Full PDB file with SEQRES, HELIX, SHEET, SSBOND, CRYST1, ORIGX, SCALE, CONECT and MASTER records, all heavy atoms in Angstrom:
SEQRES   1 A   37  ASP VAL ARG ILE VAL ASP ASN LEU SER LYS ARG ARG ASP          
SEQRES   2 A   37  VAL THR VAL PRO GLU GLY VAL ASP TYR VAL GLU GLY ASP          
SEQRES   3 A   37  VAL ALA ASP ARG GLU THR CYS ALA ARG VAL PHE                  
HELIX    1 AA1 ARG A   30  VAL A   36  1                                   7    
SHEET    1 AA1 2 ARG A   3  ASP A   6  0                                        
SHEET    2 AA1 2 ASP A  21  GLU A  24  1                                        
CRYST1    1.000    1.000    1.000  90.00  90.00  90.00 P 1           1          
ORIGX1      1.000000  0.000000  0.000000        0.00000                         
ORIGX2      0.000000  1.000000  0.000000        0.00000                         
ORIGX3      0.000000  0.000000  1.000000        0.00000                         
SCALE1      1.000000  0.000000  0.000000        0.00000                         
SCALE2      0.000000  1.000000  0.000000        0.00000                         
SCALE3      0.000000  0.000000  1.000000        0.00000                         
ATOM      1  N   ASP A   1     -17.164 117.162-106.270  1.00  0.00           N  
ATOM      2  CA  ASP A   1     -16.915 118.590-106.389  1.00  0.00           C  
ATOM      3  C   ASP A   1     -15.763 118.917-105.441  1.00  0.00           C  
ATOM      4  O   ASP A   1     -15.755 118.470-104.299  1.00  0.00           O  
ATOM      5  CB  ASP A   1     -18.136 119.405-105.991  1.00  0.00           C  
ATOM      6  CG  ASP A   1     -19.293 119.221-106.962  1.00  0.00           C  
ATOM      7  OD1 ASP A   1     -19.021 119.069-108.171  1.00  0.00           O  
ATOM      8  OD2 ASP A   1     -20.433 119.228-106.507  1.00  0.00           O  
ATOM      9  N   VAL A   2     -14.791 119.677-105.936  1.00  0.00           N  
ATOM     10  CA  VAL A   2     -13.573 119.928-105.158  1.00  0.00           C  
ATOM     11  C   VAL A   2     -13.314 121.423-105.038  1.00  0.00           C  
ATOM     12  O   VAL A   2     -13.444 122.170-105.998  1.00  0.00           O  
ATOM     13  CB  VAL A   2     -12.357 119.248-105.818  1.00  0.00           C  
ATOM     14  CG1 VAL A   2     -11.091 119.511-105.001  1.00  0.00           C  
ATOM     15  CG2 VAL A   2     -12.581 117.743-105.989  1.00  0.00           C  
ATOM     16  N   ARG A   3     -12.903 121.817-103.825  1.00  0.00           N  
ATOM     17  CA  ARG A   3     -12.443 123.172-103.562  1.00  0.00           C  
ATOM     18  C   ARG A   3     -11.014 123.064-103.055  1.00  0.00           C  
ATOM     19  O   ARG A   3     -10.693 122.201-102.251  1.00  0.00           O  
ATOM     20  CB  ARG A   3     -13.318 123.846-102.517  1.00  0.00           C  
ATOM     21  CG  ARG A   3     -12.893 125.247-102.151  1.00  0.00           C  
ATOM     22  CD  ARG A   3     -13.867 125.887-101.157  1.00  0.00           C  
ATOM     23  NE  ARG A   3     -15.188 125.971-101.736  1.00  0.00           N  
ATOM     24  CZ  ARG A   3     -16.326 125.762-101.055  1.00  0.00           C  
ATOM     25  NH1 ARG A   3     -16.298 125.443 -99.796  1.00  0.00           N  
ATOM     26  NH2 ARG A   3     -17.492 125.868-101.686  1.00  0.00           N  
ATOM     27  N   ILE A   4     -10.160 123.956-103.543  1.00  0.00           N  
ATOM     28  CA  ILE A   4      -8.766 124.016-103.110  1.00  0.00           C  
ATOM     29  C   ILE A   4      -8.567 125.337-102.365  1.00  0.00           C  
ATOM     30  O   ILE A   4      -9.042 126.382-102.820  1.00  0.00           O  
ATOM     31  CB  ILE A   4      -7.795 124.015-104.326  1.00  0.00           C  
ATOM     32  CG1 ILE A   4      -7.828 122.667-105.042  1.00  0.00           C  
ATOM     33  CG2 ILE A   4      -6.371 124.335-103.863  1.00  0.00           C  
ATOM     34  CD1 ILE A   4      -7.041 122.684-106.338  1.00  0.00           C  
ATOM     35  N   VAL A   5      -7.842 125.281-101.270  1.00  0.00           N  
ATOM     36  CA  VAL A   5      -7.329 126.519-100.631  1.00  0.00           C  
ATOM     37  C   VAL A   5      -5.827 126.327-100.523  1.00  0.00           C  
ATOM     38  O   VAL A   5      -5.339 125.293-100.045  1.00  0.00           O  
ATOM     39  CB  VAL A   5      -7.990 126.824 -99.280  1.00  0.00           C  
ATOM     40  CG1 VAL A   5      -7.775 125.723 -98.280  1.00  0.00           C  
ATOM     41  CG2 VAL A   5      -7.506 128.167 -98.732  1.00  0.00           C  
ATOM     42  N   ASP A   6      -5.097 127.322-101.048  1.00  0.00           N  
ATOM     43  CA  ASP A   6      -3.647 127.240-101.035  1.00  0.00           C  
ATOM     44  C   ASP A   6      -3.101 128.669-101.028  1.00  0.00           C  
ATOM     45  O   ASP A   6      -3.647 129.538-101.736  1.00  0.00           O  
ATOM     46  CB  ASP A   6      -3.140 126.492-102.276  1.00  0.00           C  
ATOM     47  CG  ASP A   6      -1.751 125.961-102.119  1.00  0.00           C  
ATOM     48  OD1 ASP A   6      -0.826 126.782-101.902  1.00  0.00           O  
ATOM     49  OD2 ASP A   6      -1.555 124.736-102.223  1.00  0.00           O  
ATOM     50  N   ASN A   7      -2.049 128.906-100.261  1.00  0.00           N  
ATOM     51  CA  ASN A   7      -1.462 130.252-100.238  1.00  0.00           C  
ATOM     52  C   ASN A   7      -0.316 130.408-101.231  1.00  0.00           C  
ATOM     53  O   ASN A   7       0.295 131.458-101.312  1.00  0.00           O  
ATOM     54  CB  ASN A   7      -0.987 130.619 -98.828  1.00  0.00           C  
ATOM     55  CG  ASN A   7       0.168 129.785 -98.333  1.00  0.00           C  
ATOM     56  OD1 ASN A   7       0.738 128.974 -99.070  1.00  0.00           O  
ATOM     57  ND2 ASN A   7       0.536 129.996 -97.086  1.00  0.00           N  
ATOM     58  N   LEU A   8      -0.019 129.366-101.980  1.00  0.00           N  
ATOM     59  CA  LEU A   8       1.000 129.379-103.011  1.00  0.00           C  
ATOM     60  C   LEU A   8       2.391 129.757-102.493  1.00  0.00           C  
ATOM     61  O   LEU A   8       3.193 130.308-103.212  1.00  0.00           O  
ATOM     62  CB  LEU A   8       0.618 130.311-104.159  1.00  0.00           C  
ATOM     63  CG  LEU A   8      -0.725 130.010-104.854  1.00  0.00           C  
ATOM     64  CD1 LEU A   8      -0.994 131.005-105.951  1.00  0.00           C  
ATOM     65  CD2 LEU A   8      -0.720 128.587-105.401  1.00  0.00           C  
ATOM     66  N   SER A   9       2.664 129.428-101.226  1.00  0.00           N  
ATOM     67  CA  SER A   9       3.971 129.762-100.665  1.00  0.00           C  
ATOM     68  C   SER A   9       5.089 128.959-101.302  1.00  0.00           C  
ATOM     69  O   SER A   9       6.236 129.387-101.279  1.00  0.00           O  
ATOM     70  CB  SER A   9       3.963 129.530 -99.150  1.00  0.00           C  
ATOM     71  OG  SER A   9       3.808 128.164 -98.834  1.00  0.00           O  
ATOM     72  N   LYS A  10       4.763 127.841-101.865  1.00  0.00           N  
ATOM     73  CA  LYS A  10       5.806 126.980-102.482  1.00  0.00           C  
ATOM     74  C   LYS A  10       5.877 127.162-103.997  1.00  0.00           C  
ATOM     75  O   LYS A  10       6.898 126.927-104.596  1.00  0.00           O  
ATOM     76  CB  LYS A  10       5.513 125.500-102.190  1.00  0.00           C  
ATOM     77  CG  LYS A  10       5.569 125.152-100.738  1.00  0.00           C  
ATOM     78  CD  LYS A  10       7.001 125.063-100.319  1.00  0.00           C  
ATOM     79  CE  LYS A  10       7.043 124.536 -98.883  1.00  0.00           C  
ATOM     80  NZ  LYS A  10       8.390 124.520 -98.393  1.00  0.00           N  
ATOM     81  N   ARG A  11       4.755 127.528-104.618  1.00  0.00           N  
ATOM     82  CA  ARG A  11       4.717 127.547-106.103  1.00  0.00           C  
ATOM     83  C   ARG A  11       3.977 128.782-106.586  1.00  0.00           C  
ATOM     84  O   ARG A  11       3.059 129.250-105.949  1.00  0.00           O  
ATOM     85  CB  ARG A  11       3.987 126.331-106.633  1.00  0.00           C  
ATOM     86  CG  ARG A  11       4.658 125.033-106.299  1.00  0.00           C  
ATOM     87  CD  ARG A  11       3.891 123.898-106.904  1.00  0.00           C  
ATOM     88  NE  ARG A  11       3.818 124.081-108.351  1.00  0.00           N  
ATOM     89  CZ  ARG A  11       3.369 123.166-109.165  1.00  0.00           C  
ATOM     90  NH1 ARG A  11       2.975 122.035-108.727  1.00  0.00           N  
ATOM     91  NH2 ARG A  11       3.302 123.419-110.458  1.00  0.00           N  
ATOM     92  N   ARG A  12       4.369 129.255-107.710  1.00  0.00           N  
ATOM     93  CA  ARG A  12       3.658 130.361-108.349  1.00  0.00           C  
ATOM     94  C   ARG A  12       3.128 129.965-109.730  1.00  0.00           C  
ATOM     95  O   ARG A  12       2.296 130.644-110.296  1.00  0.00           O  
ATOM     96  CB  ARG A  12       4.601 131.584-108.505  1.00  0.00           C  
ATOM     97  CG  ARG A  12       4.986 132.193-107.201  1.00  0.00           C  
ATOM     98  CD  ARG A  12       3.833 132.936-106.592  1.00  0.00           C  
ATOM     99  NE  ARG A  12       4.220 133.424-105.281  1.00  0.00           N  
ATOM    100  CZ  ARG A  12       3.368 133.729-104.353  1.00  0.00           C  
ATOM    101  NH1 ARG A  12       2.087 133.590-104.523  1.00  0.00           N  
ATOM    102  NH2 ARG A  12       3.780 134.166-103.185  1.00  0.00           N  
ATOM    103  N   ASP A  13       3.596 128.862-110.274  1.00  0.00           N  
ATOM    104  CA  ASP A  13       3.216 128.429-111.627  1.00  0.00           C  
ATOM    105  C   ASP A  13       2.115 127.356-111.552  1.00  0.00           C  
ATOM    106  O   ASP A  13       2.204 126.314-112.151  1.00  0.00           O  
ATOM    107  CB  ASP A  13       4.423 127.885-112.386  1.00  0.00           C  
ATOM    108  CG  ASP A  13       5.068 126.700-111.691  1.00  0.00           C  
ATOM    109  OD1 ASP A  13       4.901 126.566-110.461  1.00  0.00           O  
ATOM    110  OD2 ASP A  13       5.745 125.914-112.371  1.00  0.00           O  
ATOM    111  N   VAL A  14       1.076 127.665-110.803  1.00  0.00           N  
ATOM    112  CA  VAL A  14       0.009 126.679-110.546  1.00  0.00           C  
ATOM    113  C   VAL A  14      -1.023 126.718-111.674  1.00  0.00           C  
ATOM    114  O   VAL A  14      -1.452 127.781-112.089  1.00  0.00           O  
ATOM    115  CB  VAL A  14      -0.651 126.972-109.202  1.00  0.00           C  
ATOM    116  CG1 VAL A  14      -1.847 126.066-108.985  1.00  0.00           C  
ATOM    117  CG2 VAL A  14       0.348 126.812-108.072  1.00  0.00           C  
ATOM    118  N   THR A  15      -1.419 125.547-112.134  1.00  0.00           N  
ATOM    119  CA  THR A  15      -2.522 125.431-113.051  1.00  0.00           C  
ATOM    120  C   THR A  15      -3.645 124.709-112.318  1.00  0.00           C  
ATOM    121  O   THR A  15      -3.503 123.541-111.957  1.00  0.00           O  
ATOM    122  CB  THR A  15      -2.122 124.619-114.310  1.00  0.00           C  
ATOM    123  OG1 THR A  15      -1.021 125.240-114.911  1.00  0.00           O  
ATOM    124  CG2 THR A  15      -3.285 124.518-115.275  1.00  0.00           C  
ATOM    125  N   VAL A  16      -4.713 125.436-112.049  1.00  0.00           N  
ATOM    126  CA  VAL A  16      -5.825 124.865-111.316  1.00  0.00           C  
ATOM    127  C   VAL A  16      -6.686 124.040-112.290  1.00  0.00           C  
ATOM    128  O   VAL A  16      -7.065 124.536-113.361  1.00  0.00           O  
ATOM    129  CB  VAL A  16      -6.672 125.973-110.651  1.00  0.00           C  
ATOM    130  CG1 VAL A  16      -7.872 125.394-109.965  1.00  0.00           C  
ATOM    131  CG2 VAL A  16      -5.797 126.767-109.680  1.00  0.00           C  
ATOM    132  N   PRO A  17      -6.983 122.805-111.957  1.00  0.00           N  
ATOM    133  CA  PRO A  17      -7.789 121.969-112.850  1.00  0.00           C  
ATOM    134  C   PRO A  17      -9.156 122.598-113.116  1.00  0.00           C  
ATOM    135  O   PRO A  17      -9.727 123.264-112.239  1.00  0.00           O  
ATOM    136  CB  PRO A  17      -7.949 120.653-112.094  1.00  0.00           C  
ATOM    137  CG  PRO A  17      -6.835 120.633-111.119  1.00  0.00           C  
ATOM    138  CD  PRO A  17      -6.587 122.074-110.747  1.00  0.00           C  
ATOM    139  N   GLU A  18      -9.659 122.384-114.288  1.00  0.00           N  
ATOM    140  CA  GLU A  18     -10.997 122.850-114.684  1.00  0.00           C  
ATOM    141  C   GLU A  18     -12.030 122.291-113.717  1.00  0.00           C  
ATOM    142  O   GLU A  18     -11.968 121.129-113.300  1.00  0.00           O  
ATOM    143  CB  GLU A  18     -11.296 122.378-116.104  1.00  0.00           C  
ATOM    144  CG  GLU A  18     -12.606 122.865-116.640  1.00  0.00           C  
ATOM    145  CD  GLU A  18     -12.421 123.845-117.761  1.00  0.00           C  
ATOM    146  OE1 GLU A  18     -11.292 124.091-118.194  1.00  0.00           O  
ATOM    147  OE2 GLU A  18     -13.442 124.353-118.209  1.00  0.00           O  
ATOM    148  N   GLY A  19     -12.992 123.133-113.348  1.00  0.00           N  
ATOM    149  CA  GLY A  19     -14.098 122.685-112.523  1.00  0.00           C  
ATOM    150  C   GLY A  19     -13.812 122.713-111.022  1.00  0.00           C  
ATOM    151  O   GLY A  19     -14.659 122.305-110.229  1.00  0.00           O  
ATOM    152  N   VAL A  20     -12.642 123.176-110.612  1.00  0.00           N  
ATOM    153  CA  VAL A  20     -12.288 123.260-109.221  1.00  0.00           C  
ATOM    154  C   VAL A  20     -12.558 124.666-108.710  1.00  0.00           C  
ATOM    155  O   VAL A  20     -12.267 125.639-109.376  1.00  0.00           O  
ATOM    156  CB  VAL A  20     -10.792 122.906-109.001  1.00  0.00           C  
ATOM    157  CG1 VAL A  20     -10.349 123.179-107.591  1.00  0.00           C  
ATOM    158  CG2 VAL A  20     -10.548 121.455-109.349  1.00  0.00           C  
ATOM    159  N   ASP A  21     -13.111 124.735-107.515  1.00  0.00           N  
ATOM    160  CA  ASP A  21     -13.316 126.021-106.854  1.00  0.00           C  
ATOM    161  C   ASP A  21     -12.011 126.347-106.126  1.00  0.00           C  
ATOM    162  O   ASP A  21     -11.677 125.718-105.140  1.00  0.00           O  
ATOM    163  CB  ASP A  21     -14.484 125.919-105.871  1.00  0.00           C  
ATOM    164  CG  ASP A  21     -14.748 127.201-105.117  1.00  0.00           C  
ATOM    165  OD1 ASP A  21     -14.252 128.273-105.530  1.00  0.00           O  
ATOM    166  OD2 ASP A  21     -15.447 127.132-104.103  1.00  0.00           O  
ATOM    167  N   TYR A  22     -11.226 127.308-106.666  1.00  0.00           N  
ATOM    168  CA  TYR A  22      -9.915 127.615-106.113  1.00  0.00           C  
ATOM    169  C   TYR A  22      -9.972 128.914-105.310  1.00  0.00           C  
ATOM    170  O   TYR A  22     -10.497 129.927-105.775  1.00  0.00           O  
ATOM    171  CB  TYR A  22      -8.893 127.769-107.242  1.00  0.00           C  
ATOM    172  CG  TYR A  22      -7.573 128.261-106.737  1.00  0.00           C  
ATOM    173  CD1 TYR A  22      -6.744 127.449-105.983  1.00  0.00           C  
ATOM    174  CD2 TYR A  22      -7.166 129.580-106.955  1.00  0.00           C  
ATOM    175  CE1 TYR A  22      -5.538 127.891-105.480  1.00  0.00           C  
ATOM    176  CE2 TYR A  22      -5.951 130.025-106.465  1.00  0.00           C  
ATOM    177  CZ  TYR A  22      -5.155 129.187-105.746  1.00  0.00           C  
ATOM    178  OH  TYR A  22      -3.986 129.660-105.249  1.00  0.00           O  
ATOM    179  N   VAL A  23      -9.446 128.871-104.097  1.00  0.00           N  
ATOM    180  CA  VAL A  23      -9.348 130.018-103.236  1.00  0.00           C  
ATOM    181  C   VAL A  23      -7.873 130.206-102.854  1.00  0.00           C  
ATOM    182  O   VAL A  23      -7.276 129.288-102.278  1.00  0.00           O  
ATOM    183  CB  VAL A  23     -10.197 129.864-101.961  1.00  0.00           C  
ATOM    184  CG1 VAL A  23     -10.025 131.060-101.038  1.00  0.00           C  
ATOM    185  CG2 VAL A  23     -11.660 129.661-102.310  1.00  0.00           C  
ATOM    186  N   GLU A  24      -7.308 131.359-103.182  1.00  0.00           N  
ATOM    187  CA  GLU A  24      -5.931 131.639-102.729  1.00  0.00           C  
ATOM    188  C   GLU A  24      -6.044 132.233-101.336  1.00  0.00           C  
ATOM    189  O   GLU A  24      -6.661 133.271-101.127  1.00  0.00           O  
ATOM    190  CB  GLU A  24      -5.213 132.606-103.644  1.00  0.00           C  
ATOM    191  CG  GLU A  24      -3.796 132.820-103.236  1.00  0.00           C  
ATOM    192  CD  GLU A  24      -2.981 133.657-104.198  1.00  0.00           C  
ATOM    193  OE1 GLU A  24      -3.462 133.917-105.315  1.00  0.00           O  
ATOM    194  OE2 GLU A  24      -1.863 134.043-103.820  1.00  0.00           O  
ATOM    195  N   GLY A  25      -5.481 131.517-100.364  1.00  0.00           N  
ATOM    196  CA  GLY A  25      -5.537 131.959 -98.980  1.00  0.00           C  
ATOM    197  C   GLY A  25      -4.766 131.038 -98.090  1.00  0.00           C  
ATOM    198  O   GLY A  25      -4.243 130.001 -98.524  1.00  0.00           O  
ATOM    199  N   ASP A  26      -4.686 131.438 -96.824  1.00  0.00           N  
ATOM    200  CA  ASP A  26      -3.907 130.697 -95.848  1.00  0.00           C  
ATOM    201  C   ASP A  26      -4.844 130.077 -94.823  1.00  0.00           C  
ATOM    202  O   ASP A  26      -5.702 130.770 -94.275  1.00  0.00           O  
ATOM    203  CB  ASP A  26      -2.931 131.652 -95.169  1.00  0.00           C  
ATOM    204  CG  ASP A  26      -1.840 130.944 -94.417  1.00  0.00           C  
ATOM    205  OD1 ASP A  26      -2.153 129.987 -93.676  1.00  0.00           O  
ATOM    206  OD2 ASP A  26      -0.671 131.354 -94.552  1.00  0.00           O  
ATOM    207  N   VAL A  27      -4.650 128.799 -94.501  1.00  0.00           N  
ATOM    208  CA  VAL A  27      -5.517 128.135 -93.521  1.00  0.00           C  
ATOM    209  C   VAL A  27      -5.282 128.649 -92.114  1.00  0.00           C  
ATOM    210  O   VAL A  27      -6.035 128.337 -91.206  1.00  0.00           O  
ATOM    211  CB  VAL A  27      -5.401 126.598 -93.585  1.00  0.00           C  
ATOM    212  CG1 VAL A  27      -5.910 126.060 -94.913  1.00  0.00           C  
ATOM    213  CG2 VAL A  27      -3.984 126.135 -93.298  1.00  0.00           C  
ATOM    214  N   ALA A  28      -4.240 129.433 -91.913  1.00  0.00           N  
ATOM    215  CA  ALA A  28      -3.979 130.045 -90.616  1.00  0.00           C  
ATOM    216  C   ALA A  28      -4.849 131.300 -90.401  1.00  0.00           C  
ATOM    217  O   ALA A  28      -4.885 131.836 -89.326  1.00  0.00           O  
ATOM    218  CB  ALA A  28      -2.501 130.402 -90.481  1.00  0.00           C  
ATOM    219  N   ASP A  29      -5.525 131.726 -91.453  1.00  0.00           N  
ATOM    220  CA  ASP A  29      -6.389 132.899 -91.392  1.00  0.00           C  
ATOM    221  C   ASP A  29      -7.838 132.477 -91.137  1.00  0.00           C  
ATOM    222  O   ASP A  29      -8.427 131.716 -91.895  1.00  0.00           O  
ATOM    223  CB  ASP A  29      -6.299 133.667 -92.726  1.00  0.00           C  
ATOM    224  CG  ASP A  29      -7.179 134.893 -92.756  1.00  0.00           C  
ATOM    225  OD1 ASP A  29      -6.922 135.821 -91.969  1.00  0.00           O  
ATOM    226  OD2 ASP A  29      -8.141 134.893 -93.560  1.00  0.00           O  
ATOM    227  N   ARG A  30      -8.410 132.977 -90.044  1.00  0.00           N  
ATOM    228  CA  ARG A  30      -9.783 132.582 -89.664  1.00  0.00           C  
ATOM    229  C   ARG A  30     -10.825 132.936 -90.723  1.00  0.00           C  
ATOM    230  O   ARG A  30     -11.725 132.129 -90.970  1.00  0.00           O  
ATOM    231  CB  ARG A  30     -10.190 133.273 -88.351  1.00  0.00           C  
ATOM    232  CG  ARG A  30      -9.522 132.708 -87.137  1.00  0.00           C  
ATOM    233  CD  ARG A  30      -9.981 133.468 -85.914  1.00  0.00           C  
ATOM    234  NE  ARG A  30      -9.140 133.164 -84.786  1.00  0.00           N  
ATOM    235  CZ  ARG A  30      -9.583 132.587 -83.699  1.00  0.00           C  
ATOM    236  NH1 ARG A  30     -10.860 132.246 -83.601  1.00  0.00           N  
ATOM    237  NH2 ARG A  30      -8.756 132.324 -82.701  1.00  0.00           N  
ATOM    238  N   GLU A  31     -10.725 134.089 -91.314  1.00  0.00           N  
ATOM    239  CA  GLU A  31     -11.706 134.501 -92.338  1.00  0.00           C  
ATOM    240  C   GLU A  31     -11.644 133.583 -93.556  1.00  0.00           C  
ATOM    241  O   GLU A  31     -12.679 133.234 -94.115  1.00  0.00           O  
ATOM    242  CB  GLU A  31     -11.468 135.953 -92.717  1.00  0.00           C  
ATOM    243  CG  GLU A  31     -11.818 136.931 -91.607  1.00  0.00           C  
ATOM    244  CD  GLU A  31     -11.507 138.352 -91.953  1.00  0.00           C  
ATOM    245  OE1 GLU A  31     -11.253 138.665 -93.141  1.00  0.00           O  
ATOM    246  OE2 GLU A  31     -11.506 139.186 -91.029  1.00  0.00           O  
ATOM    247  N   THR A  32     -10.435 133.223 -93.960  1.00  0.00           N  
ATOM    248  CA  THR A  32     -10.297 132.297 -95.086  1.00  0.00           C  
ATOM    249  C   THR A  32     -10.971 130.957 -94.742  1.00  0.00           C  
ATOM    250  O   THR A  32     -11.706 130.409 -95.550  1.00  0.00           O  
ATOM    251  CB  THR A  32      -8.813 132.078 -95.441  1.00  0.00           C  
ATOM    252  OG1 THR A  32      -8.256 133.341 -95.813  1.00  0.00           O  
ATOM    253  CG2 THR A  32      -8.656 131.084 -96.548  1.00  0.00           C  
ATOM    254  N   CYS A  33     -10.680 130.455 -93.572  1.00  0.00           N  
ATOM    255  CA  CYS A  33     -11.265 129.172 -93.162  1.00  0.00           C  
ATOM    256  C   CYS A  33     -12.790 129.222 -93.103  1.00  0.00           C  
ATOM    257  O   CYS A  33     -13.445 128.304 -93.569  1.00  0.00           O  
ATOM    258  CB  CYS A  33     -10.706 128.710 -91.806  1.00  0.00           C  
ATOM    259  SG  CYS A  33      -9.032 128.095 -91.924  1.00  0.00           S  
ATOM    260  N   ALA A  34     -13.319 130.292 -92.563  1.00  0.00           N  
ATOM    261  CA  ALA A  34     -14.768 130.446 -92.489  1.00  0.00           C  
ATOM    262  C   ALA A  34     -15.372 130.413 -93.890  1.00  0.00           C  
ATOM    263  O   ALA A  34     -16.440 129.825 -94.112  1.00  0.00           O  
ATOM    264  CB  ALA A  34     -15.125 131.726 -91.771  1.00  0.00           C  
ATOM    265  N   ARG A  35     -14.689 131.038 -94.850  1.00  0.00           N  
ATOM    266  CA  ARG A  35     -15.211 131.082 -96.212  1.00  0.00           C  
ATOM    267  C   ARG A  35     -15.094 129.753 -96.933  1.00  0.00           C  
ATOM    268  O   ARG A  35     -16.013 129.311 -97.598  1.00  0.00           O  
ATOM    269  CB  ARG A  35     -14.433 132.175 -96.989  1.00  0.00           C  
ATOM    270  CG  ARG A  35     -15.029 132.484 -98.347  1.00  0.00           C  
ATOM    271  CD  ARG A  35     -14.354 133.661 -98.980  1.00  0.00           C  
ATOM    272  NE  ARG A  35     -13.085 133.262 -99.520  1.00  0.00           N  
ATOM    273  CZ  ARG A  35     -11.956 133.928 -99.363  1.00  0.00           C  
ATOM    274  NH1 ARG A  35     -11.934 135.046 -98.650  1.00  0.00           N  
ATOM    275  NH2 ARG A  35     -10.830 133.512 -99.878  1.00  0.00           N  
ATOM    276  N   VAL A  36     -13.941 129.073 -96.801  1.00  0.00           N  
ATOM    277  CA  VAL A  36     -13.724 127.859 -97.607  1.00  0.00           C  
ATOM    278  C   VAL A  36     -14.422 126.618 -97.057  1.00  0.00           C  
ATOM    279  O   VAL A  36     -14.639 125.656 -97.788  1.00  0.00           O  
ATOM    280  CB  VAL A  36     -12.223 127.558 -97.842  1.00  0.00           C  
ATOM    281  CG1 VAL A  36     -11.559 128.699 -98.588  1.00  0.00           C  
ATOM    282  CG2 VAL A  36     -11.519 127.236 -96.575  1.00  0.00           C  
ATOM    283  N   PHE A  37     -14.743 126.608 -95.774  1.00  0.00           N  
ATOM    284  CA  PHE A  37     -15.371 125.420 -95.194  1.00  0.00           C  
ATOM    285  C   PHE A  37     -16.888 125.388 -95.390  1.00  0.00           C  
ATOM    286  O   PHE A  37     -17.536 124.408 -95.018  1.00  0.00           O  
ATOM    287  CB  PHE A  37     -15.026 125.288 -93.711  1.00  0.00           C  
ATOM    288  CG  PHE A  37     -13.723 124.556 -93.488  1.00  0.00           C  
ATOM    289  CD1 PHE A  37     -12.553 125.267 -93.319  1.00  0.00           C  
ATOM    290  CD2 PHE A  37     -13.689 123.175 -93.474  1.00  0.00           C  
ATOM    291  CE1 PHE A  37     -11.352 124.599 -93.138  1.00  0.00           C  
ATOM    292  CE2 PHE A  37     -12.484 122.505 -93.283  1.00  0.00           C  
ATOM    293  CZ  PHE A  37     -11.328 123.226 -93.126  1.00  0.00           C  
TER     294      PHE A  37                                                      
MASTER        0    0    0    1    2    0    0    6  293    1    0    3          
END                                                                             
């Protein structure tokens, strides 16, 4: 089971694979980290 966290600073045309838990956010943000970990 895979979760992705990415702020999309490099890309906007992202296709998230089926079955992945995707979170748009920045790992520099404490609240995002608390949620995704």
